[in-house]
Structure formats: structure tokens, C-alpha cells
Amino acid sequence: CRVQTTDVVCGARDSCSTNGKAMRNLEPMYINMEAILCISHTLSHCGEHVDLPVLNEWMTPWLGLVQNHPSARAIWKEKLGGGAMKGYSTIRWCSREECSNEISKNFGMLPGFVDTLLEDEIGDKLP
């Protein structure tokens, strides 16, 4: 089965400028094609306009502590059953949301986790 150039109606891409140029280069050959942005990137950009100050206030110290302090990271990983935990990266556009989702799915573990941090004197003292 051979795809005809008129049968291609959609080209999905992320918002990288080089991918946009590639799609523009394909347009003369695929005259019915519409370029659309990747839904994940679109949703991510929509989320950038949602202001959740309490979540932002929580996530900044969380990422600083759990991602950068080896003892805190080990304790959280143990609370998760020893499996892989989500890591934060400024390179991966969705990593902050992945960390937020991991916290929400394991929300019931937070009191015990914080208690352990306080007992072991890990991180800043709470007032």
C-alpha cells in the first residue's frame, strides 16, 4: 500500500523552530497537510498560565531538598518502595509535573516522610 501525497492531512510536531521549518519544507509536497503542535507541549504551555502559588511554594523547596540532598532522596525512595523516583531536570519540560504527580499519588506518605526528615535533622528546621 502506497500513501499518496494528497492522503497526508496532518503533521504533528513539537514547537522547536527546526521542526517548524521541516514542516514548512514538506508543505509543497503534501498539499492537504496541516501542521499541529504536539498535544503534550500544547497542554504544558497552557499549564504555564495557571497560577498555583501554593503548589509553587511547595515544589521549590521540595525539589531543592529531595532532588539535591542524598539522605532525603534515599528516604523518599524508600517510602516509594525502593523503586525509581521521578527526577527533576531543567532540560525535560515535563519533569516538574512528573514530580508533582508523584507527590500527589503518594500524598499519604508525606507526614511520615517529613517526620523522618525532622527526626534525622535533614533540611531546614520548621518554625
N, C-alpha and C. Protein backbone atom coordinates (compact mmCIF):
# COMPACT_ATOMS: atom_id res chain seq x y z
N CYS A 1 0.85 -1.17 0.00
CA CYS A 1 0.00 0.00 0.00
C CYS A 1 0.90 1.24 0.00
N ARG A 2 0.69 2.07 -0.92
CA ARG A 2 1.49 3.28 -1.04
C ARG A 2 0.64 4.50 -0.70
N VAL A 3 1.17 5.35 0.17
CA VAL A 3 0.45 6.55 0.59
C VAL A 3 0.64 7.64 -0.46
N GLN A 4 -0.46 8.19 -0.90
CA GLN A 4 -0.42 9.28 -1.87
C GLN A 4 -0.17 10.60 -1.14
N THR A 5 0.49 11.52 -1.78
CA THR A 5 0.81 12.79 -1.13
C THR A 5 -0.45 13.55 -0.73
N THR A 6 -1.55 13.34 -1.41
CA THR A 6 -2.80 14.02 -1.06
C THR A 6 -3.50 13.35 0.13
N ASP A 7 -3.04 12.15 0.52
CA ASP A 7 -3.66 11.44 1.65
C ASP A 7 -3.14 11.93 3.00
N VAL A 8 -2.01 12.61 3.03
CA VAL A 8 -1.44 13.09 4.28
C VAL A 8 -2.15 14.39 4.66
N VAL A 9 -2.86 14.36 5.79
CA VAL A 9 -3.64 15.52 6.19
C VAL A 9 -3.13 16.21 7.45
N CYS A 10 -2.20 15.57 8.16
CA CYS A 10 -1.74 16.14 9.41
C CYS A 10 -0.28 15.78 9.66
N GLY A 11 0.47 16.74 10.18
CA GLY A 11 1.83 16.51 10.62
C GLY A 11 1.97 17.08 12.03
N ALA A 12 2.22 16.21 13.00
CA ALA A 12 2.35 16.66 14.40
C ALA A 12 3.82 16.90 14.72
N ARG A 13 4.08 17.95 15.48
CA ARG A 13 5.45 18.30 15.81
C ARG A 13 5.47 19.01 17.15
N ASP A 14 6.68 19.11 17.75
CA ASP A 14 6.80 19.96 18.93
C ASP A 14 7.11 21.38 18.44
N SER A 15 7.29 22.29 19.37
CA SER A 15 7.41 23.69 18.96
C SER A 15 8.84 24.13 18.64
N CYS A 16 9.74 23.20 18.50
CA CYS A 16 11.12 23.51 18.14
C CYS A 16 11.13 24.17 16.75
N SER A 17 11.88 25.25 16.61
CA SER A 17 11.87 26.01 15.35
C SER A 17 12.34 25.19 14.17
N THR A 18 13.29 24.28 14.38
CA THR A 18 13.77 23.46 13.26
C THR A 18 12.68 22.50 12.78
N ASN A 19 11.84 22.02 13.70
CA ASN A 19 10.73 21.16 13.28
C ASN A 19 9.69 21.96 12.51
N GLY A 20 9.49 23.21 12.89
CA GLY A 20 8.58 24.07 12.14
C GLY A 20 9.07 24.28 10.72
N LYS A 21 10.37 24.49 10.58
CA LYS A 21 10.95 24.67 9.24
C LYS A 21 10.81 23.40 8.42
N ALA A 22 11.03 22.25 9.06
CA ALA A 22 10.88 20.97 8.35
C ALA A 22 9.45 20.81 7.84
N MET A 23 8.47 21.17 8.67
CA MET A 23 7.07 21.06 8.23
C MET A 23 6.79 22.02 7.07
N ARG A 24 7.33 23.22 7.13
CA ARG A 24 7.13 24.17 6.02
C ARG A 24 7.76 23.64 4.74
N ASN A 25 8.89 22.93 4.85
CA ASN A 25 9.52 22.35 3.67
C ASN A 25 8.70 21.22 3.08
N LEU A 26 7.91 20.54 3.91
CA LEU A 26 7.08 19.43 3.43
C LEU A 26 5.76 19.90 2.81
N GLU A 27 5.31 21.10 3.18
CA GLU A 27 4.01 21.60 2.73
C GLU A 27 3.81 21.57 1.21
N PRO A 28 4.80 21.95 0.40
CA PRO A 28 4.56 21.90 -1.06
C PRO A 28 4.29 20.48 -1.58
N MET A 29 4.89 19.48 -0.94
CA MET A 29 4.70 18.11 -1.39
C MET A 29 3.38 17.52 -0.87
N TYR A 30 3.00 17.87 0.35
CA TYR A 30 1.78 17.35 0.97
C TYR A 30 0.79 18.50 1.09
N ILE A 31 0.07 18.76 0.02
CA ILE A 31 -0.75 19.97 -0.08
C ILE A 31 -1.95 19.98 0.88
N ASN A 32 -2.38 18.83 1.35
CA ASN A 32 -3.51 18.76 2.28
C ASN A 32 -3.08 18.71 3.75
N MET A 33 -1.80 18.75 3.98
CA MET A 33 -1.28 18.58 5.34
C MET A 33 -1.38 19.87 6.15
N GLU A 34 -1.85 19.72 7.37
CA GLU A 34 -1.85 20.81 8.35
C GLU A 34 -0.85 20.44 9.44
N ALA A 35 -0.04 21.38 9.83
CA ALA A 35 0.92 21.14 10.91
C ALA A 35 0.25 21.49 12.24
N ILE A 36 0.30 20.56 13.18
CA ILE A 36 -0.25 20.83 14.51
C ILE A 36 0.83 20.56 15.54
N LEU A 37 0.75 21.30 16.63
CA LEU A 37 1.72 21.11 17.70
C LEU A 37 1.35 19.88 18.53
N CYS A 38 2.34 19.23 19.07
CA CYS A 38 2.18 18.07 19.94
C CYS A 38 1.25 18.44 21.09
N ILE A 39 0.26 17.58 21.38
CA ILE A 39 -0.71 17.89 22.43
C ILE A 39 -0.05 18.01 23.80
N SER A 40 0.97 17.23 24.06
CA SER A 40 1.65 17.33 25.35
C SER A 40 2.29 18.70 25.53
N HIS A 41 2.93 19.19 24.49
CA HIS A 41 3.55 20.51 24.58
C HIS A 41 2.48 21.60 24.68
N THR A 42 1.39 21.42 23.95
CA THR A 42 0.31 22.40 24.00
C THR A 42 -0.26 22.48 25.40
N LEU A 43 -0.54 21.33 26.01
CA LEU A 43 -1.06 21.32 27.38
C LEU A 43 -0.06 21.91 28.36
N SER A 44 1.20 21.61 28.16
CA SER A 44 2.23 22.16 29.03
C SER A 44 2.24 23.68 28.95
N HIS A 45 2.14 24.22 27.75
CA HIS A 45 2.14 25.67 27.59
C HIS A 45 0.88 26.29 28.18
N CYS A 46 -0.25 25.59 28.07
CA CYS A 46 -1.48 26.07 28.72
C CYS A 46 -1.29 26.11 30.23
N GLY A 47 -0.66 25.08 30.77
CA GLY A 47 -0.42 25.00 32.20
C GLY A 47 0.48 26.10 32.72
N GLU A 48 1.32 26.64 31.85
CA GLU A 48 2.21 27.73 32.27
C GLU A 48 1.41 28.97 32.67
N HIS A 49 0.17 29.06 32.22
CA HIS A 49 -0.66 30.23 32.51
C HIS A 49 -1.56 30.02 33.72
N VAL A 50 -1.51 28.83 34.31
CA VAL A 50 -2.28 28.55 35.51
C VAL A 50 -1.42 28.91 36.71
N ASP A 51 -1.93 29.77 37.55
CA ASP A 51 -1.17 30.22 38.71
C ASP A 51 -1.61 29.42 39.93
N LEU A 52 -0.71 28.59 40.43
CA LEU A 52 -0.96 27.78 41.62
C LEU A 52 0.11 28.13 42.65
N PRO A 53 -0.06 29.25 43.35
CA PRO A 53 1.01 29.73 44.24
C PRO A 53 1.35 28.75 45.35
N VAL A 54 0.37 28.04 45.90
CA VAL A 54 0.66 27.10 46.99
C VAL A 54 1.50 25.94 46.46
N LEU A 55 1.16 25.44 45.27
CA LEU A 55 1.95 24.35 44.68
C LEU A 55 3.37 24.83 44.38
N ASN A 56 3.50 26.02 43.82
CA ASN A 56 4.83 26.55 43.53
C ASN A 56 5.64 26.75 44.81
N GLU A 57 4.97 27.23 45.87
CA GLU A 57 5.65 27.44 47.15
C GLU A 57 6.13 26.11 47.73
N TRP A 58 5.37 25.05 47.49
CA TRP A 58 5.73 23.72 48.00
C TRP A 58 6.81 23.08 47.14
N MET A 59 6.68 23.15 45.82
CA MET A 59 7.56 22.42 44.91
C MET A 59 8.99 22.94 44.92
N THR A 60 9.17 24.23 45.07
CA THR A 60 10.53 24.77 45.02
C THR A 60 11.42 24.18 46.12
N PRO A 61 10.99 24.23 47.40
CA PRO A 61 11.85 23.60 48.42
C PRO A 61 11.88 22.08 48.31
N TRP A 62 10.77 21.48 47.85
CA TRP A 62 10.73 20.02 47.68
C TRP A 62 11.82 19.59 46.70
N LEU A 63 11.87 20.23 45.56
CA LEU A 63 12.86 19.88 44.55
C LEU A 63 14.27 20.14 45.05
N GLY A 64 14.44 21.24 45.77
CA GLY A 64 15.75 21.55 46.32
C GLY A 64 16.21 20.51 47.33
N LEU A 65 15.30 20.01 48.13
CA LEU A 65 15.66 19.06 49.17
C LEU A 65 15.74 17.63 48.64
N VAL A 66 14.64 17.15 48.08
CA VAL A 66 14.57 15.74 47.69
C VAL A 66 15.45 15.42 46.49
N GLN A 67 15.62 16.37 45.60
CA GLN A 67 16.43 16.11 44.42
C GLN A 67 17.92 16.32 44.68
N ASN A 68 18.26 17.15 45.67
CA ASN A 68 19.67 17.51 45.86
C ASN A 68 20.31 16.98 47.14
N HIS A 69 19.52 16.50 48.07
CA HIS A 69 20.06 16.02 49.34
C HIS A 69 20.03 14.49 49.31
N PRO A 70 21.19 13.82 49.28
CA PRO A 70 21.23 12.36 49.14
C PRO A 70 20.42 11.62 50.20
N SER A 71 20.46 12.08 51.46
CA SER A 71 19.72 11.38 52.51
C SER A 71 18.22 11.54 52.32
N ALA A 72 17.77 12.75 52.00
CA ALA A 72 16.34 12.98 51.77
C ALA A 72 15.86 12.17 50.57
N ARG A 73 16.66 12.15 49.52
CA ARG A 73 16.31 11.38 48.32
C ARG A 73 16.19 9.89 48.65
N ALA A 74 17.12 9.37 49.44
CA ALA A 74 17.10 7.95 49.82
C ALA A 74 15.87 7.61 50.67
N ILE A 75 15.51 8.51 51.58
CA ILE A 75 14.34 8.27 52.43
C ILE A 75 13.06 8.28 51.59
N TRP A 76 12.93 9.24 50.68
CA TRP A 76 11.73 9.30 49.82
C TRP A 76 11.66 8.07 48.93
N LYS A 77 12.78 7.68 48.39
CA LYS A 77 12.82 6.49 47.53
C LYS A 77 12.39 5.26 48.32
N GLU A 78 12.84 5.17 49.57
CA GLU A 78 12.44 4.04 50.43
C GLU A 78 10.93 4.07 50.69
N LYS A 79 10.37 5.26 50.91
CA LYS A 79 8.92 5.40 51.12
C LYS A 79 8.16 4.93 49.89
N LEU A 80 8.75 5.12 48.71
CA LEU A 80 8.10 4.70 47.47
C LEU A 80 8.28 3.21 47.20
N GLY A 81 8.91 2.50 48.11
CA GLY A 81 9.09 1.06 47.93
C GLY A 81 10.40 0.70 47.27
N GLY A 82 11.32 1.64 47.20
CA GLY A 82 12.64 1.36 46.65
C GLY A 82 12.74 1.46 45.14
N GLY A 83 11.63 1.69 44.47
CA GLY A 83 11.65 1.81 43.02
C GLY A 83 12.17 3.16 42.57
N ALA A 84 12.19 3.36 41.30
CA ALA A 84 12.67 4.62 40.74
C ALA A 84 11.73 5.75 41.11
N MET A 85 12.31 6.87 41.48
CA MET A 85 11.51 8.05 41.75
C MET A 85 11.71 9.04 40.61
N LYS A 86 10.74 9.91 40.44
CA LYS A 86 10.82 10.90 39.37
C LYS A 86 11.90 11.92 39.71
N GLY A 87 12.70 12.25 38.73
CA GLY A 87 13.76 13.23 38.91
C GLY A 87 13.45 14.52 38.18
N TYR A 88 13.91 15.62 38.74
CA TYR A 88 13.69 16.93 38.14
C TYR A 88 14.86 17.29 37.25
N SER A 89 14.55 17.83 36.09
CA SER A 89 15.57 18.27 35.15
C SER A 89 15.08 19.53 34.47
N THR A 90 15.93 20.53 34.37
CA THR A 90 15.55 21.75 33.65
C THR A 90 15.50 21.50 32.14
N ILE A 91 16.09 20.41 31.68
CA ILE A 91 16.10 20.07 30.26
C ILE A 91 14.75 19.46 29.83
N ARG A 92 14.23 18.55 30.64
CA ARG A 92 12.98 17.87 30.31
C ARG A 92 11.80 18.74 30.72
N TRP A 93 11.04 19.21 29.76
CA TRP A 93 9.99 20.19 30.00
C TRP A 93 8.90 19.69 30.94
N CYS A 94 8.69 18.39 31.04
CA CYS A 94 7.58 17.88 31.84
C CYS A 94 8.03 17.34 33.20
N SER A 95 9.30 17.45 33.55
CA SER A 95 9.79 16.78 34.76
C SER A 95 9.21 17.37 36.04
N ARG A 96 8.97 18.66 36.09
CA ARG A 96 8.38 19.26 37.30
C ARG A 96 6.98 18.69 37.54
N GLU A 97 6.21 18.56 36.48
CA GLU A 97 4.86 18.00 36.61
C GLU A 97 4.92 16.52 37.00
N GLU A 98 5.90 15.80 36.49
CA GLU A 98 6.07 14.39 36.89
C GLU A 98 6.34 14.28 38.39
N CYS A 99 7.18 15.16 38.90
CA CYS A 99 7.46 15.17 40.34
C CYS A 99 6.20 15.53 41.12
N SER A 100 5.44 16.52 40.64
CA SER A 100 4.18 16.90 41.31
C SER A 100 3.20 15.73 41.33
N ASN A 101 3.11 15.03 40.21
CA ASN A 101 2.20 13.88 40.14
C ASN A 101 2.63 12.78 41.09
N GLU A 102 3.93 12.55 41.20
CA GLU A 102 4.43 11.53 42.12
C GLU A 102 4.06 11.87 43.56
N ILE A 103 4.19 13.14 43.91
CA ILE A 103 3.82 13.57 45.25
C ILE A 103 2.32 13.37 45.47
N SER A 104 1.50 13.76 44.49
CA SER A 104 0.05 13.64 44.67
C SER A 104 -0.38 12.18 44.79
N LYS A 105 0.24 11.30 44.04
CA LYS A 105 -0.10 9.88 44.12
C LYS A 105 0.33 9.25 45.44
N ASN A 106 1.32 9.84 46.08
CA ASN A 106 1.85 9.30 47.34
C ASN A 106 1.67 10.29 48.48
N PHE A 107 0.62 11.09 48.41
CA PHE A 107 0.39 12.16 49.36
C PHE A 107 0.31 11.66 50.81
N GLY A 108 -0.25 10.49 51.00
CA GLY A 108 -0.38 9.92 52.34
C GLY A 108 0.95 9.61 53.00
N MET A 109 2.01 9.52 52.22
CA MET A 109 3.33 9.23 52.77
C MET A 109 4.06 10.47 53.26
N LEU A 110 3.56 11.64 52.90
CA LEU A 110 4.27 12.88 53.24
C LEU A 110 4.43 13.11 54.74
N PRO A 111 3.40 12.92 55.58
CA PRO A 111 3.62 13.16 57.02
C PRO A 111 4.75 12.31 57.60
N GLY A 112 4.78 11.03 57.27
CA GLY A 112 5.85 10.16 57.76
C GLY A 112 7.20 10.57 57.22
N PHE A 113 7.23 10.99 55.97
CA PHE A 113 8.47 11.44 55.35
C PHE A 113 9.00 12.69 56.05
N VAL A 114 8.13 13.66 56.27
CA VAL A 114 8.54 14.90 56.94
C VAL A 114 8.98 14.61 58.37
N ASP A 115 8.25 13.72 59.06
CA ASP A 115 8.65 13.35 60.42
C ASP A 115 10.06 12.76 60.44
N THR A 116 10.35 11.89 59.46
CA THR A 116 11.68 11.27 59.38
C THR A 116 12.74 12.33 59.12
N LEU A 117 12.45 13.28 58.24
CA LEU A 117 13.40 14.36 57.97
C LEU A 117 13.69 15.16 59.24
N LEU A 118 12.63 15.45 60.01
CA LEU A 118 12.81 16.22 61.24
C LEU A 118 13.60 15.42 62.27
N GLU A 119 13.27 14.13 62.41
CA GLU A 119 13.98 13.28 63.37
C GLU A 119 15.47 13.18 63.03
N ASP A 120 15.77 13.07 61.73
CA ASP A 120 17.16 12.93 61.28
C ASP A 120 17.85 14.27 61.05
N GLU A 121 17.11 15.36 61.32
CA GLU A 121 17.63 16.73 61.15
C GLU A 121 18.15 16.96 59.73
N ILE A 122 17.33 16.57 58.78
CA ILE A 122 17.67 16.77 57.36
C ILE A 122 16.88 17.97 56.86
N GLY A 123 17.54 18.90 56.23
CA GLY A 123 16.88 20.09 55.71
C GLY A 123 16.76 21.18 56.76
N ASP A 124 16.07 22.25 56.39
CA ASP A 124 15.88 23.37 57.30
C ASP A 124 14.90 23.00 58.41
N LYS A 125 15.10 23.56 59.56
CA LYS A 125 14.18 23.38 60.68
C LYS A 125 12.88 24.11 60.37
N LEU A 126 11.77 23.50 60.74
CA LEU A 126 10.48 24.15 60.60
C LEU A 126 10.28 25.08 61.80
N PRO A 127 9.57 26.20 61.60
CA PRO A 127 9.36 27.14 62.71
C PRO A 127 8.50 26.54 63.80
